[in-house]
Amino acid sequence: MVTTKKTPQSSKSSAKKSRQSSAAKVAAGPVPPYGDPIHKAIARGELQEMKALARSTRKWLDQVNSALAKLDTAIKKAEG
């Protein structure tokens, strides 16, 4: 039978967990890195790739702008 020894958590670990739980309350989704892929597509000069990337980016921007408008409305409402 194999036994494992549990070590007590250090205060650093506890402090890190506290910060993580606070950060979790203000979580945001990942932000797609469109700048770099756009610049690389331009450098390659592949027309179909650039068009597809432009469509994809516009769709993403529409979604972000919509979410941002809702966020602004919620902020104004919360401020009173």
N, C-alpha and C. Protein backbone atom coordinates (compact mmCIF):
# COMPACT_ATOMS: atom_id res chain seq x y z
N MET A 1 0.84 -1.18 0.00
CA MET A 1 0.00 0.00 0.00
C MET A 1 0.88 1.23 0.00
N VAL A 2 0.62 2.15 -0.93
CA VAL A 2 1.40 3.37 -1.04
C VAL A 2 0.67 4.49 -0.31
N THR A 3 1.39 5.19 0.52
CA THR A 3 0.79 6.33 1.21
C THR A 3 1.46 7.60 0.73
N THR A 4 0.70 8.64 0.68
CA THR A 4 1.25 9.93 0.28
C THR A 4 1.17 10.87 1.45
N LYS A 5 2.15 11.70 1.55
CA LYS A 5 2.22 12.65 2.65
C LYS A 5 1.66 13.98 2.18
N LYS A 6 0.67 14.47 2.88
CA LYS A 6 0.09 15.76 2.54
C LYS A 6 0.88 16.85 3.24
N THR A 7 1.22 17.87 2.48
CA THR A 7 1.93 18.99 3.08
C THR A 7 0.95 20.13 3.27
N PRO A 8 1.10 20.87 4.37
CA PRO A 8 0.19 22.00 4.59
C PRO A 8 0.43 23.08 3.55
N GLN A 9 -0.64 23.80 3.19
CA GLN A 9 -0.51 24.87 2.22
C GLN A 9 0.22 26.05 2.84
N SER A 10 1.08 26.64 2.04
CA SER A 10 1.79 27.81 2.53
C SER A 10 0.88 29.03 2.44
N SER A 11 1.27 30.09 3.10
CA SER A 11 0.47 31.32 3.06
C SER A 11 0.47 31.91 1.65
N LYS A 12 1.55 31.67 0.90
CA LYS A 12 1.59 32.15 -0.48
C LYS A 12 0.50 31.48 -1.30
N SER A 13 0.34 30.19 -1.10
CA SER A 13 -0.68 29.46 -1.84
C SER A 13 -2.07 29.96 -1.48
N SER A 14 -2.30 30.20 -0.20
CA SER A 14 -3.60 30.70 0.24
C SER A 14 -3.87 32.09 -0.32
N ALA A 15 -2.84 32.93 -0.32
CA ALA A 15 -3.00 34.28 -0.85
C ALA A 15 -3.29 34.22 -2.34
N LYS A 16 -2.63 33.31 -3.02
CA LYS A 16 -2.86 33.16 -4.46
C LYS A 16 -4.29 32.74 -4.72
N LYS A 17 -4.81 31.81 -3.92
CA LYS A 17 -6.18 31.36 -4.10
C LYS A 17 -7.16 32.49 -3.84
N SER A 18 -6.87 33.34 -2.88
CA SER A 18 -7.73 34.48 -2.59
C SER A 18 -7.79 35.41 -3.80
N ARG A 19 -6.64 35.68 -4.38
CA ARG A 19 -6.60 36.56 -5.56
C ARG A 19 -7.35 35.92 -6.72
N GLN A 20 -7.20 34.61 -6.87
CA GLN A 20 -7.88 33.93 -7.97
C GLN A 20 -9.39 33.98 -7.81
N SER A 21 -9.89 33.81 -6.60
CA SER A 21 -11.33 33.84 -6.42
C SER A 21 -11.86 35.25 -6.65
N SER A 22 -11.09 36.28 -6.29
CA SER A 22 -11.50 37.64 -6.56
C SER A 22 -11.50 37.91 -8.06
N ALA A 23 -10.49 37.42 -8.73
CA ALA A 23 -10.40 37.62 -10.17
C ALA A 23 -11.51 36.87 -10.89
N ALA A 24 -11.92 35.76 -10.35
CA ALA A 24 -12.97 34.98 -11.00
C ALA A 24 -14.28 35.74 -11.02
N LYS A 25 -14.48 36.62 -10.07
CA LYS A 25 -15.71 37.41 -10.01
C LYS A 25 -15.76 38.42 -11.15
N VAL A 26 -14.61 38.81 -11.67
CA VAL A 26 -14.54 39.78 -12.74
C VAL A 26 -13.92 39.11 -13.96
N ALA A 27 -14.43 37.97 -14.31
CA ALA A 27 -13.88 37.21 -15.41
C ALA A 27 -14.36 37.76 -16.75
N ALA A 28 -13.49 37.72 -17.72
CA ALA A 28 -13.83 38.12 -19.07
C ALA A 28 -13.36 37.02 -20.01
N GLY A 29 -14.03 36.91 -21.12
CA GLY A 29 -13.65 35.90 -22.09
C GLY A 29 -12.37 36.24 -22.81
N PRO A 30 -11.82 35.31 -23.54
CA PRO A 30 -10.60 35.56 -24.28
C PRO A 30 -10.82 36.56 -25.40
N VAL A 31 -9.82 37.31 -25.69
CA VAL A 31 -9.89 38.29 -26.77
C VAL A 31 -9.09 37.74 -27.95
N PRO A 32 -9.76 37.49 -29.07
CA PRO A 32 -9.04 36.97 -30.23
C PRO A 32 -7.96 37.95 -30.70
N PRO A 33 -6.78 37.46 -30.99
CA PRO A 33 -5.68 38.34 -31.42
C PRO A 33 -5.75 38.63 -32.91
N TYR A 34 -6.72 39.45 -33.31
CA TYR A 34 -6.91 39.67 -34.74
C TYR A 34 -5.84 40.51 -35.39
N GLY A 35 -5.17 41.38 -34.67
CA GLY A 35 -4.15 42.23 -35.28
C GLY A 35 -3.07 41.43 -35.97
N ASP A 36 -2.50 40.47 -35.27
CA ASP A 36 -1.40 39.69 -35.83
C ASP A 36 -1.84 38.86 -37.05
N PRO A 37 -2.94 38.11 -36.96
CA PRO A 37 -3.37 37.36 -38.15
C PRO A 37 -3.70 38.27 -39.34
N ILE A 38 -4.25 39.44 -39.07
CA ILE A 38 -4.57 40.38 -40.16
C ILE A 38 -3.28 40.83 -40.85
N HIS A 39 -2.31 41.23 -40.05
CA HIS A 39 -1.04 41.70 -40.63
C HIS A 39 -0.34 40.58 -41.41
N LYS A 40 -0.39 39.37 -40.87
CA LYS A 40 0.25 38.24 -41.57
C LYS A 40 -0.48 37.91 -42.87
N ALA A 41 -1.81 37.99 -42.86
CA ALA A 41 -2.57 37.72 -44.09
C ALA A 41 -2.26 38.76 -45.15
N ILE A 42 -2.14 40.01 -44.74
CA ILE A 42 -1.78 41.08 -45.69
C ILE A 42 -0.40 40.81 -46.27
N ALA A 43 0.54 40.43 -45.41
CA ALA A 43 1.90 40.16 -45.86
C ALA A 43 1.95 39.01 -46.86
N ARG A 44 1.10 37.98 -46.65
CA ARG A 44 1.06 36.85 -47.59
C ARG A 44 0.38 37.24 -48.90
N GLY A 45 -0.53 38.20 -48.83
CA GLY A 45 -1.18 38.68 -50.04
C GLY A 45 -2.20 37.73 -50.64
N GLU A 46 -2.64 36.75 -49.92
CA GLU A 46 -3.62 35.77 -50.41
C GLU A 46 -5.02 36.37 -50.32
N LEU A 47 -5.59 36.75 -51.46
CA LEU A 47 -6.85 37.48 -51.51
C LEU A 47 -7.99 36.75 -50.81
N GLN A 48 -8.18 35.47 -51.08
CA GLN A 48 -9.29 34.72 -50.46
C GLN A 48 -9.12 34.64 -48.94
N GLU A 49 -7.90 34.46 -48.49
CA GLU A 49 -7.63 34.43 -47.05
C GLU A 49 -7.96 35.77 -46.41
N MET A 50 -7.56 36.86 -47.07
CA MET A 50 -7.84 38.20 -46.53
C MET A 50 -9.33 38.47 -46.48
N LYS A 51 -10.07 38.06 -47.52
CA LYS A 51 -11.52 38.26 -47.54
C LYS A 51 -12.19 37.46 -46.42
N ALA A 52 -11.79 36.22 -46.25
CA ALA A 52 -12.37 35.38 -45.20
C ALA A 52 -12.07 35.95 -43.82
N LEU A 53 -10.86 36.41 -43.63
CA LEU A 53 -10.47 36.99 -42.35
C LEU A 53 -11.23 38.29 -42.10
N ALA A 54 -11.45 39.08 -43.14
CA ALA A 54 -12.22 40.32 -43.00
C ALA A 54 -13.66 40.01 -42.59
N ARG A 55 -14.28 39.00 -43.21
CA ARG A 55 -15.64 38.61 -42.84
C ARG A 55 -15.70 38.15 -41.39
N SER A 56 -14.77 37.31 -41.02
CA SER A 56 -14.72 36.78 -39.67
C SER A 56 -14.52 37.90 -38.64
N THR A 57 -13.62 38.80 -38.95
CA THR A 57 -13.33 39.91 -38.03
C THR A 57 -14.53 40.84 -37.91
N ARG A 58 -15.20 41.14 -39.02
CA ARG A 58 -16.39 42.00 -38.95
C ARG A 58 -17.49 41.36 -38.10
N LYS A 59 -17.68 40.06 -38.25
CA LYS A 59 -18.68 39.36 -37.45
C LYS A 59 -18.33 39.45 -35.97
N TRP A 60 -17.07 39.20 -35.66
CA TRP A 60 -16.61 39.28 -34.27
C TRP A 60 -16.77 40.70 -33.73
N LEU A 61 -16.42 41.70 -34.53
CA LEU A 61 -16.56 43.10 -34.09
C LEU A 61 -18.02 43.46 -33.84
N ASP A 62 -18.93 42.97 -34.68
CA ASP A 62 -20.36 43.21 -34.45
C ASP A 62 -20.80 42.64 -33.11
N GLN A 63 -20.34 41.43 -32.81
CA GLN A 63 -20.69 40.80 -31.53
C GLN A 63 -20.10 41.58 -30.35
N VAL A 64 -18.87 42.02 -30.49
CA VAL A 64 -18.22 42.78 -29.42
C VAL A 64 -18.91 44.12 -29.23
N ASN A 65 -19.23 44.81 -30.32
CA ASN A 65 -19.91 46.11 -30.21
C ASN A 65 -21.28 45.97 -29.56
N SER A 66 -21.99 44.90 -29.87
CA SER A 66 -23.29 44.65 -29.26
C SER A 66 -23.14 44.40 -27.76
N ALA A 67 -22.18 43.58 -27.41
CA ALA A 67 -21.94 43.28 -25.99
C ALA A 67 -21.50 44.54 -25.25
N LEU A 68 -20.69 45.36 -25.89
CA LEU A 68 -20.21 46.60 -25.26
C LEU A 68 -21.36 47.57 -25.03
N ALA A 69 -22.27 47.65 -25.96
CA ALA A 69 -23.44 48.51 -25.79
C ALA A 69 -24.28 48.06 -24.59
N LYS A 70 -24.46 46.74 -24.45
CA LYS A 70 -25.20 46.21 -23.30
C LYS A 70 -24.45 46.50 -22.00
N LEU A 71 -23.15 46.39 -22.04
CA LEU A 71 -22.34 46.68 -20.86
C LEU A 71 -22.46 48.15 -20.47
N ASP A 72 -22.38 49.04 -21.44
CA ASP A 72 -22.53 50.48 -21.16
C ASP A 72 -23.90 50.77 -20.55
N THR A 73 -24.94 50.13 -21.07
CA THR A 73 -26.29 50.31 -20.52
C THR A 73 -26.35 49.83 -19.07
N ALA A 74 -25.77 48.70 -18.80
CA ALA A 74 -25.77 48.15 -17.44
C ALA A 74 -24.99 49.05 -16.49
N ILE A 75 -23.88 49.62 -16.96
CA ILE A 75 -23.09 50.52 -16.13
C ILE A 75 -23.88 51.77 -15.79
N LYS A 76 -24.53 52.35 -16.79
CA LYS A 76 -25.34 53.55 -16.54
C LYS A 76 -26.47 53.26 -15.56
N LYS A 77 -27.08 52.09 -15.71
CA LYS A 77 -28.17 51.70 -14.82
C LYS A 77 -27.64 51.51 -13.39
N ALA A 78 -26.49 50.90 -13.24
CA ALA A 78 -25.91 50.65 -11.92
C ALA A 78 -25.46 51.95 -11.26
N GLU A 79 -25.04 52.92 -12.05
CA GLU A 79 -24.62 54.21 -11.50
C GLU A 79 -25.80 55.06 -11.04
N GLY A 80 -26.97 54.73 -11.53
CA GLY A 80 -28.18 55.44 -11.11
C GLY A 80 -28.50 56.56 -11.94
